[in-house]
């Protein structure tokens, strides 16, 4: 993942939909989408940490994030995209299994595949 990737276009947008497939979870925001096919971690506002190897397993934990705006989105390192929501939850998506696609982020005509 490019360290200089600017994900700030997610700042302030609401999570409008969580779509679930057998091997994928898609988070649809106002004007952008994040398709996750790999590992992720969710840190809840109370500090509870949940790590998911399979996106399908994460779906129930992601539903409470619906309608919450993104407070901040950033590339944390060469293998992590971090999205902090207005309620204090933080979702981290990892580029952890080469050579397979782990996630993709689409904003308008722009598509980043990691």
Protein backbone atom coordinates (compact mmCIF):
# COMPACT_ATOMS: atom_id res chain seq x y z
CA UNK A 1 0.00 0.00 0.00
CA UNK A 2 1.46 3.39 -0.91
CA UNK A 3 2.48 5.19 2.28
CA UNK A 4 1.61 8.54 0.73
CA UNK A 5 -1.94 7.46 -0.22
CA UNK A 6 -4.37 10.17 0.88
CA UNK A 7 -7.55 8.59 2.25
CA UNK A 8 -8.81 11.84 3.75
CA UNK A 9 -11.67 11.93 1.24
CA UNK A 10 -13.37 9.48 3.63
CA UNK A 11 -13.25 12.00 6.48
CA UNK A 12 -16.77 13.13 7.32
CA UNK A 13 -18.64 10.63 5.14
CA UNK A 14 -21.20 8.25 6.66
CA UNK A 15 -21.20 4.49 6.45
CA UNK A 16 -24.44 3.79 4.60
CA UNK A 17 -24.30 0.05 3.94
CA UNK A 18 -22.55 -3.14 5.03
CA UNK A 19 -22.85 -5.75 2.26
CA UNK A 20 -21.85 -9.34 3.02
CA UNK A 21 -20.73 -12.14 0.74
CA UNK A 22 -19.11 -15.48 1.43
CA UNK A 23 -15.56 -14.15 1.02
CA UNK A 24 -16.06 -10.39 1.14
CA UNK A 25 -17.54 -7.52 3.12
CA UNK A 26 -18.22 -4.24 1.33
CA UNK A 27 -18.58 -1.00 3.25
CA UNK A 28 -20.44 1.57 1.20
CA UNK A 29 -19.93 5.16 2.24
CA UNK A 30 -21.40 8.30 0.74
CA UNK A 31 -19.29 8.52 -2.43
CA UNK A 32 -16.82 5.71 -1.71
CA UNK A 33 -16.65 1.98 -1.03
CA UNK A 34 -14.23 -0.36 0.70
CA UNK A 35 -14.27 -4.00 -0.34
CA UNK A 36 -12.51 -6.23 2.21
CA UNK A 37 -11.38 -9.76 1.39
CA UNK A 38 -8.66 -10.16 4.01
CA UNK A 39 -7.90 -9.69 7.68
CA UNK A 40 -9.26 -6.81 9.69
CA UNK A 41 -9.38 -5.58 13.25
CA UNK A 42 -12.07 -3.57 14.98
CA UNK A 43 -11.31 -1.63 18.17
CA UNK A 44 -14.53 -0.62 19.91
CA UNK A 45 -14.95 2.66 21.83
CA UNK A 46 -14.53 0.79 25.14
CA UNK A 47 -11.14 -0.58 23.97
CA UNK A 48 -12.37 -4.11 23.18
CA UNK A 49 -10.41 -5.53 20.24
CA UNK A 50 -11.80 -8.00 17.73
CA UNK A 51 -9.59 -9.49 15.00
CA UNK A 52 -11.13 -11.30 12.04
CA UNK A 53 -9.32 -13.58 9.61
CA UNK A 54 -12.43 -13.93 7.44
CA UNK A 55 -14.53 -10.93 6.37
CA UNK A 56 -17.78 -12.89 6.70
CA UNK A 57 -17.13 -13.33 10.43
CA UNK A 58 -16.69 -9.57 10.90
CA UNK A 59 -20.04 -8.57 9.41
CA UNK A 60 -22.09 -8.60 12.66
CA UNK A 61 -19.49 -6.46 14.43
CA UNK A 62 -19.54 -3.90 11.60
CA UNK A 63 -23.31 -3.33 11.60
CA UNK A 64 -23.29 -0.94 14.61
CA UNK A 65 -21.06 1.39 12.57
CA UNK A 66 -23.92 2.14 10.16
CA UNK A 67 -24.80 5.86 9.99
CA UNK A 68 -21.61 6.84 11.82
CA UNK A 69 -19.39 9.35 10.02
CA UNK A 70 -15.71 8.72 9.46
CA UNK A 71 -13.70 10.94 11.79
CA UNK A 72 -10.35 10.12 10.17
CA UNK A 73 -8.94 7.71 7.58
CA UNK A 74 -5.25 7.17 6.98
CA UNK A 75 -2.57 4.78 5.84
CA UNK A 76 -0.78 3.75 9.03
CA UNK A 77 2.02 1.76 7.48
CA UNK A 78 2.85 -0.23 4.38
CA UNK A 79 0.23 -2.85 5.26
CA UNK A 80 -2.59 -1.04 7.10
CA UNK A 81 -5.48 1.28 6.33
CA UNK A 82 -7.09 2.70 9.47
CA UNK A 83 -10.58 4.23 9.62
CA UNK A 84 -11.75 5.90 12.83
CA UNK A 85 -15.49 6.49 13.14
CA UNK A 86 -17.32 9.24 14.98
CA UNK A 87 -18.29 6.91 17.83
CA UNK A 88 -14.60 6.17 18.52
CA UNK A 89 -14.48 2.76 16.83
CA UNK A 90 -11.39 2.09 14.69
CA UNK A 91 -11.35 -0.35 11.80
CA UNK A 92 -7.97 -1.49 10.49
CA UNK A 93 -7.68 -3.41 7.25
CA UNK A 94 -4.43 -5.25 6.55
CA UNK A 95 -2.47 -6.19 3.45
CA UNK A 96 -1.44 -9.50 4.98
CA UNK A 97 -1.54 -12.29 2.42
CA UNK A 98 0.54 -11.87 -0.69
CA UNK A 99 -0.05 -12.26 -3.61
CA UNK A 100 -3.83 -12.14 -3.12
CA UNK A 101 -5.99 -9.03 -3.06
CA UNK A 102 -6.86 -8.05 0.52
CA UNK A 103 -9.00 -4.98 -0.05
CA UNK A 104 -9.91 -2.32 -2.56
CA UNK A 105 -10.97 1.26 -2.04
CA UNK A 106 -13.00 3.08 -4.65
CA UNK A 107 -13.68 6.82 -4.70
CA UNK A 108 -15.45 8.05 -7.81
CA UNK A 109 -13.44 6.86 -10.82
CA UNK A 110 -10.36 6.09 -8.68
CA UNK A 111 -9.67 2.53 -7.56
CA UNK A 112 -6.90 1.34 -5.22
CA UNK A 113 -6.37 -2.42 -5.06
CA UNK A 114 -4.15 -3.79 -2.28
